[in-house]
């Protein structure tokens, strides 16, 4: 289940802990993307 699905399910159930889990998934995903971008930028400068 992805973050958006977690949020949708949390909304249906009015479940705040499920919403927090979805938020954490979204933040973790964003962090991974940011790390990949920074790594690509660093590699691009080396060439």
C-alpha atoms as a PDB file:
ATOM      1  CA  UNK A   1       0.000   0.000   0.000  1.00  0.00           C
ATOM      2  CA  UNK A   2       1.433   3.404  -0.908  1.00  0.00           C
ATOM      3  CA  UNK A   3       1.188   6.609   1.126  1.00  0.00           C
ATOM      4  CA  UNK A   4      -1.797   7.964  -0.774  1.00  0.00           C
ATOM      5  CA  UNK A   5      -3.749   4.745  -0.260  1.00  0.00           C
ATOM      6  CA  UNK A   6      -2.897   4.899   3.465  1.00  0.00           C
ATOM      7  CA  UNK A   7      -4.273   8.440   3.673  1.00  0.00           C
ATOM      8  CA  UNK A   8      -7.444   7.416   1.847  1.00  0.00           C
ATOM      9  CA  UNK A   9      -7.964   4.457   4.162  1.00  0.00           C
ATOM     10  CA  UNK A  10      -7.228   6.593   7.229  1.00  0.00           C
ATOM     11  CA  UNK A  11      -9.823   9.102   6.088  1.00  0.00           C
ATOM     12  CA  UNK A  12     -12.432   6.376   5.571  1.00  0.00           C
ATOM     13  CA  UNK A  13     -11.745   4.944   9.017  1.00  0.00           C
ATOM     14  CA  UNK A  14     -11.087   8.318  10.704  1.00  0.00           C
ATOM     15  CA  UNK A  15      -7.887   6.683  11.938  1.00  0.00           C
ATOM     16  CA  UNK A  16      -5.128   9.124  12.951  1.00  0.00           C
ATOM     17  CA  UNK A  17      -2.465   6.452  13.478  1.00  0.00           C
ATOM     18  CA  UNK A  18      -2.987   5.190   9.936  1.00  0.00           C
ATOM     19  CA  UNK A  19      -2.725   8.788   8.705  1.00  0.00           C
ATOM     20  CA  UNK A  20       0.581   9.197  10.574  1.00  0.00           C
ATOM     21  CA  UNK A  21       1.859   6.000   8.983  1.00  0.00           C
ATOM     22  CA  UNK A  22       0.925   7.343   5.549  1.00  0.00           C
ATOM     23  CA  UNK A  23       2.663  10.629   6.315  1.00  0.00           C
ATOM     24  CA  UNK A  24       5.819   8.807   7.370  1.00  0.00           C
ATOM     25  CA  UNK A  25       5.745   6.772   4.159  1.00  0.00           C
ATOM     26  CA  UNK A  26       5.411   9.971   2.113  1.00  0.00           C
ATOM     27  CA  UNK A  27       8.285  11.679   3.940  1.00  0.00           C
ATOM     28  CA  UNK A  28      10.522   8.614   3.603  1.00  0.00           C
ATOM     29  CA  UNK A  29       9.780   8.456  -0.113  1.00  0.00           C
ATOM     30  CA  UNK A  30      10.578  12.154  -0.510  1.00  0.00           C
ATOM     31  CA  UNK A  31      13.874  11.695   1.354  1.00  0.00           C
ATOM     32  CA  UNK A  32      14.899   8.855  -0.972  1.00  0.00           C
ATOM     33  CA  UNK A  33      14.134  10.971  -4.038  1.00  0.00           C
ATOM     34  CA  UNK A  34      16.106  13.887  -2.641  1.00  0.00           C
ATOM     35  CA  UNK A  35      19.099  11.642  -1.894  1.00  0.00           C
ATOM     36  CA  UNK A  36      18.993  10.247  -5.439  1.00  0.00           C
ATOM     37  CA  UNK A  37      18.874  13.759  -6.909  1.00  0.00           C
ATOM     38  CA  UNK A  38      21.804  14.910  -4.791  1.00  0.00           C
ATOM     39  CA  UNK A  39      23.824  11.827  -5.712  1.00  0.00           C
ATOM     40  CA  UNK A  40      23.126  12.395  -9.419  1.00  0.00           C
ATOM     41  CA  UNK A  41      24.155  16.041  -9.092  1.00  0.00           C
ATOM     42  CA  UNK A  42      27.395  15.045  -7.376  1.00  0.00           C
ATOM     43  CA  UNK A  43      28.176  12.469 -10.042  1.00  0.00           C
ATOM     44  CA  UNK A  44      27.395  15.001 -12.774  1.00  0.00           C
ATOM     45  CA  UNK A  45      29.936  17.449 -11.358  1.00  0.00           C
ATOM     46  CA  UNK A  46      32.687  14.838 -11.382  1.00  0.00           C
ATOM     47  CA  UNK A  47      32.568  14.269 -15.118  1.00  0.00           C
END
